């Protein structure tokens, strides 16, 4: 999973995939990600939270924030 410092210019330059999806994570904001697919770029948040019922003691929680273009980088949590 590549890590980048998200900027509008950098996100605009990220190419769409030919198949599947690629997740990029922001170096400045822990847990903030951008999923790039064949026709869209979508912001999401990902975090590990304590869960004593799990063997590892943690579970991963993800939340979609919205598509790039419909929400701005500033509104994505950064």
Protein backbone atom coordinates (compact mmCIF):
# COMPACT_ATOMS: atom_id res chain seq x y z
CA UNK A 1 0.00 0.00 0.00
CA UNK A 2 1.71 3.16 -1.18
CA UNK A 3 1.93 6.19 1.10
CA UNK A 4 1.87 9.73 -0.31
CA UNK A 5 1.39 13.26 0.95
CA UNK A 6 -2.05 13.98 -0.52
CA UNK A 7 -2.35 17.17 -2.52
CA UNK A 8 -4.92 18.10 -5.14
CA UNK A 9 -2.27 18.08 -7.87
CA UNK A 10 -0.96 14.64 -6.85
CA UNK A 11 -4.43 13.10 -6.61
CA UNK A 12 -5.36 14.51 -10.02
CA UNK A 13 -2.24 12.88 -11.51
CA UNK A 14 -2.93 9.40 -10.09
CA UNK A 15 -3.98 7.20 -13.01
CA UNK A 16 -7.14 5.09 -12.93
CA UNK A 17 -6.47 1.35 -12.85
CA UNK A 18 -7.01 -1.02 -15.75
CA UNK A 19 -8.48 -3.58 -13.38
CA UNK A 20 -9.00 -3.86 -9.66
CA UNK A 21 -8.25 -1.15 -7.12
CA UNK A 22 -5.20 0.45 -5.50
CA UNK A 23 -5.26 1.97 -2.01
CA UNK A 24 -3.04 4.95 -1.21
CA UNK A 25 -2.56 6.29 2.32
CA UNK A 26 -1.83 9.87 3.36
CA UNK A 27 1.47 10.39 5.17
CA UNK A 28 0.16 13.48 7.02
CA UNK A 29 -3.14 12.05 8.33
CA UNK A 30 -3.04 8.55 9.84
CA UNK A 31 -5.87 6.34 8.61
CA UNK A 32 -6.87 8.55 5.67
CA UNK A 33 -6.86 6.65 2.39
CA UNK A 34 -7.73 7.06 -1.26
CA UNK A 35 -8.98 4.06 -3.25
CA UNK A 36 -8.39 4.37 -7.00
CA UNK A 37 -10.42 2.16 -9.29
CA UNK A 38 -11.16 1.98 -13.00
CA UNK A 39 -13.37 5.07 -13.03
CA UNK A 40 -13.34 6.69 -9.58
CA UNK A 41 -11.20 7.88 -6.69
CA UNK A 42 -12.78 7.53 -3.25
CA UNK A 43 -11.64 8.74 0.18
CA UNK A 44 -11.92 6.36 3.12
CA UNK A 45 -10.83 6.16 6.76
CA UNK A 46 -9.32 3.04 8.31
CA UNK A 47 -8.45 2.42 11.96
CA UNK A 48 -7.71 -0.45 14.32
CA UNK A 49 -9.81 -0.35 17.48
CA UNK A 50 -9.59 -2.45 20.62
CA UNK A 51 -11.91 -5.47 20.60
CA UNK A 52 -11.33 -7.95 23.41
CA UNK A 53 -13.53 -10.55 21.71
CA UNK A 54 -10.96 -10.91 18.90
CA UNK A 55 -7.91 -13.12 19.27
CA UNK A 56 -5.58 -10.25 18.33
CA UNK A 57 -7.42 -7.83 20.63
CA UNK A 58 -8.16 -5.43 17.75
CA UNK A 59 -10.43 -5.15 14.75
CA UNK A 60 -10.09 -2.97 11.66
CA UNK A 61 -12.89 -0.51 10.97
CA UNK A 62 -13.30 1.21 7.57
CA UNK A 63 -15.63 4.03 6.56
CA UNK A 64 -16.13 5.48 3.09
CA UNK A 65 -16.02 9.28 3.20
CA UNK A 66 -16.96 10.08 -0.39
CA UNK A 67 -15.73 10.33 -3.95
CA UNK A 68 -12.92 12.67 -4.90
CA UNK A 69 -14.52 15.53 -6.79
CA UNK A 70 -17.76 15.31 -4.82
CA UNK A 71 -15.83 16.15 -1.65
CA UNK A 72 -12.62 18.14 -1.52
CA UNK A 73 -9.37 17.00 0.04
CA UNK A 74 -9.88 19.54 2.86
CA UNK A 75 -13.27 17.99 3.74
CA UNK A 76 -11.91 14.42 3.78
CA UNK A 77 -10.56 14.79 7.29
CA UNK A 78 -7.22 16.35 6.56
